[in-house]
Protein backbone atom coordinates (compact mmCIF):
# COMPACT_ATOMS: atom_id res chain seq x y z
CA MET A 1 -0.13 -0.01 0.18
CA LYS A 2 1.10 3.05 -0.93
CA LYS A 3 1.32 6.04 1.78
CA LEU A 4 0.04 9.44 0.37
CA LYS A 5 1.94 12.46 1.25
CA GLU A 6 1.82 16.19 1.75
CA GLY A 7 0.86 17.68 -2.00
CA ASP A 8 -0.96 14.49 -3.05
CA SER A 9 -4.39 14.74 -4.18
CA ILE A 10 -7.05 12.56 -2.44
CA ASP A 11 -9.02 9.39 -3.52
CA LEU A 12 -12.27 10.58 -4.43
CA PHE A 13 -14.41 7.78 -2.71
CA VAL A 14 -18.13 7.72 -2.59
CA ALA A 15 -19.82 5.78 0.76
CA THR A 16 -22.36 5.51 2.94
CA ASP A 17 -22.29 6.66 6.16
CA ILE A 18 -23.71 5.10 9.24
CA ASN A 19 -26.83 7.36 8.98
CA ARG A 20 -27.27 5.49 4.95
CA ASN A 21 -26.38 9.02 3.65
CA GLU A 22 -24.09 9.10 0.34
CA THR A 23 -20.82 10.74 1.47
CA ARG A 24 -18.82 12.11 -2.31
CA LEU A 25 -15.83 13.32 -1.11
CA LYS A 26 -15.68 15.68 -4.23
CA ASN A 27 -17.95 17.45 -2.82
CA TYR A 28 -16.01 18.82 -0.23
CA LYS A 29 -13.71 20.77 -2.73
CA GLY A 30 -13.89 24.43 -1.58
CA LYS A 31 -13.88 23.70 2.42
CA LYS A 32 -11.26 22.92 4.85
CA LEU A 33 -11.48 18.64 5.62
CA TYR A 34 -10.15 16.59 8.33
CA LEU A 35 -10.50 12.82 6.97
CA VAL A 36 -9.82 10.59 10.25
CA PHE A 37 -9.23 6.70 9.46
CA PHE A 38 -10.00 4.78 13.10
CA ARG A 39 -9.50 1.37 13.84
CA LYS A 40 -12.39 -0.51 14.79
CA ALA A 41 -15.57 0.65 16.57
CA ALA A 42 -15.07 -1.08 19.65
CA CYS A 43 -11.54 0.35 20.35
CA PRO A 44 -11.46 2.55 23.32
CA PHE A 45 -8.52 4.59 21.81
CA CYS A 46 -10.93 4.92 18.87
CA ASN A 47 -13.75 6.23 21.09
CA MET A 48 -11.62 8.61 23.23
CA ALA A 49 -10.51 10.58 20.23
CA LEU A 50 -13.53 10.49 18.52
CA ARG A 51 -15.45 12.15 21.99
CA ASP A 52 -12.50 14.70 21.63
CA LEU A 53 -13.28 15.85 17.93
CA ILE A 54 -17.36 15.72 19.03
CA VAL A 55 -16.27 18.11 21.92
CA ASN A 56 -14.39 20.19 19.56
CA HIS A 57 -16.47 20.22 16.55
CA ASP A 58 -18.41 23.55 16.98
CA GLU A 59 -14.48 25.00 17.17
CA PHE A 60 -13.22 23.50 14.25
CA LYS A 61 -16.84 24.20 12.09
CA LYS A 62 -15.69 27.84 13.22
CA LYS A 63 -12.30 27.65 11.79
CA GLY A 64 -14.25 26.54 8.39
CA ILE A 65 -12.84 22.46 8.83
CA GLU A 66 -15.67 19.87 8.03
CA THR A 67 -14.81 16.49 10.39
CA LEU A 68 -15.20 12.86 7.93
CA ALA A 69 -14.30 9.62 10.43
CA ILE A 70 -14.16 6.11 8.38
CA PHE A 71 -14.09 3.28 10.93
CA ALA A 72 -12.94 -0.36 10.25
CA SER A 73 -16.27 -1.71 11.36
CA PRO A 74 -19.69 -2.79 9.55
CA ARG A 75 -22.65 -0.20 10.26
CA ALA A 76 -24.08 -2.51 13.37
CA GLU A 77 -21.24 -2.69 15.32
CA ILE A 78 -20.25 1.11 14.63
CA LEU A 79 -23.75 2.05 16.11
CA LYS A 80 -23.31 -0.40 18.89
CA TYR A 81 -20.29 1.57 20.05
CA ALA A 82 -18.65 4.64 18.55
CA GLY A 83 -22.38 5.72 17.13
CA LYS A 84 -23.54 5.75 20.64
CA GLN A 85 -21.43 9.45 20.70
CA ASN A 86 -23.82 10.96 18.06
CA ALA A 87 -20.95 12.23 16.46
CA PRO A 88 -22.36 15.49 14.12
CA PHE A 89 -20.26 14.81 11.21
CA PRO A 90 -20.11 11.63 8.94
CA ILE A 91 -19.16 8.23 10.54
CA ILE A 92 -18.21 6.10 7.35
CA PRO A 93 -18.25 1.92 8.20
CA ASP A 94 -15.23 0.45 5.65
CA PRO A 95 -14.89 -3.36 7.26
CA ASP A 96 -13.54 -4.71 4.01
CA TYR A 97 -10.64 -2.13 4.05
CA LYS A 98 -11.63 -0.50 0.61
CA ILE A 99 -10.84 2.68 1.55
CA TYR A 100 -7.91 2.11 3.99
CA LYS A 101 -6.41 0.47 1.42
CA ARG A 102 -6.78 3.25 -1.15
CA TYR A 103 -5.60 6.01 1.54
CA GLY A 104 -2.83 3.40 2.37
CA VAL A 105 -3.39 2.60 5.99
CA ASP A 106 -1.53 -0.08 8.19
CA ILE A 107 -2.02 -2.93 10.26
CA SER A 108 0.38 -3.72 12.60
CA TYR A 109 1.27 -5.83 15.36
CA LYS A 110 4.04 -3.93 16.16
CA GLY A 111 1.03 -1.07 16.91
CA MET A 112 -0.68 -3.68 18.95
CA LEU A 113 1.73 -4.43 21.44
CA LYS A 114 3.57 -0.75 21.91
CA THR A 115 0.01 0.23 22.67
CA SER A 116 -1.38 -2.78 24.90
CA PHE A 117 2.19 -3.00 26.95
CA ASN A 118 1.36 0.81 27.83
CA ILE A 119 -0.24 0.31 30.85
CA LYS A 120 -1.11 4.26 31.09
CA LYS A 121 -2.64 4.91 27.94
CA VAL A 122 -5.52 1.13 28.99
CA LEU A 123 -6.21 2.43 32.28
CA LYS A 124 -6.90 5.91 30.49
CA ALA A 125 -9.03 4.19 27.97
CA ILE A 126 -11.16 2.29 31.13
CA ARG A 127 -11.08 5.35 33.19
CA GLY A 128 -12.82 7.10 30.37
CA GLY A 129 -15.56 4.28 30.06
CA PHE A 130 -14.58 3.02 26.86
CA PHE A 131 -12.67 -0.03 27.28
CA SER A 132 -13.91 -3.20 25.33
CA ALA A 133 -11.86 -6.59 25.10
CA LYS A 134 -13.66 -6.68 21.71
CA THR A 135 -11.07 -5.30 19.50
CA THR A 136 -8.32 -7.37 21.22
CA PHE A 137 -8.44 -10.49 18.59
CA GLN A 138 -9.65 -8.04 15.79
CA ASP A 139 -7.02 -6.92 12.62
CA PRO A 140 -4.49 -4.07 14.27
CA VAL A 141 -5.20 -1.62 12.00
CA LEU A 142 -3.28 2.14 12.95
CA PRO A 143 -5.30 5.40 12.66
CA ALA A 144 -4.58 8.07 10.26
CA ASP A 145 -5.29 11.80 9.82
CA PHE A 146 -5.04 13.27 6.77
CA LEU A 147 -5.80 17.72 6.34
CA ILE A 148 -7.10 18.47 3.14
CA ASP A 149 -7.26 21.79 1.52
CA GLU A 150 -10.32 23.33 -0.13
CA ASN A 151 -8.55 22.15 -3.98
CA LEU A 152 -8.52 18.44 -2.27
CA ILE A 153 -5.28 18.12 -1.96
CA ILE A 154 -3.62 16.59 1.35
CA LYS A 155 -1.90 19.26 3.44
CA LYS A 156 -0.54 16.93 6.39
CA ALA A 157 -0.71 12.94 6.14
CA HIS A 158 -0.05 11.42 9.58
CA TYR A 159 -0.23 7.73 9.63
CA GLY A 160 -0.34 6.60 13.45
CA LYS A 161 1.97 4.20 15.13
CA THR A 162 -0.08 2.74 18.00
CA TYR A 163 -4.15 2.53 18.40
CA ASP A 164 -3.92 6.67 20.09
CA ASP A 165 -1.57 8.21 17.26
CA HIS A 166 -4.37 10.72 16.04
CA LEU A 167 -3.16 14.43 15.25
CA LEU A 168 -4.29 16.93 18.18
CA VAL A 169 -6.88 18.69 18.06
CA SER A 170 -4.98 21.75 18.71
CA GLU A 171 -2.77 20.66 15.39
CA VAL A 172 -6.16 20.49 13.48
CA LEU A 173 -7.36 23.85 14.68
CA ASN A 174 -4.28 25.83 14.24
CA TRP A 175 -4.37 24.09 10.65
CA ASN A 176 -4.79 26.98 7.71
CA SER A 177 -4.51 25.56 4.37
CA ASN A 178 -3.52 29.19 3.31
CA VAL A 179 -0.37 29.21 4.66
CA PRO A 180 2.26 27.54 2.89
CA SER A 181 3.79 24.60 4.18
CA LEU A 182 7.88 24.29 5.25
CA GLU A 183 7.86 22.32 1.95
CA ASP A 184 6.11 24.82 -0.17
CA ILE A 185 8.40 27.37 0.67
CA SER A 186 11.39 25.38 0.28
CA ARG A 187 10.77 25.08 -3.47
CA GLN A 188 10.28 28.50 -4.16
CA PRO A 189 12.96 29.82 -6.13
CA ILE A 190 14.90 32.78 -4.09
CA SER A 191 14.16 36.02 -6.07
CA ALA A 192 17.32 38.17 -6.13
């Protein structure tokens, strides 16, 4: 699977969200988009990250940032677990990893072990009320985040190394696709 990077055009998939609404990525043209790939719907770390997105949704909207979440679970499982949080943005089920593969999202047993043996993270998940052993024996798919500009170009691609490795909410809120990145600046010729 090829990983996407800054400057790449996004794959314009069409999918049905958990509320049975059609989502077309091309409809986000002209908007900033935070595209979030979560693990499985029962994943405690994903549910904590989803809660953070829900809590900060109004702030995202103020900054003109739309959110679109994808889970590697069937619709019924998302509704049973993550869906209980009533996200104010679309959540797309992708249990067959079709979209995950198109975006180069990994499955990693190393990432699973790094998360599982981090007692602080596990205790945080338990205290947060999101612990579920269900995902213990499911594919260890890792999260990924993409900040996509108004022209449907990736401004930042973040591939998680552990189950809870997402962009910080503050990074997303401070993102401004109108400001050139260091990579963009380094490509510009120096004027005399």
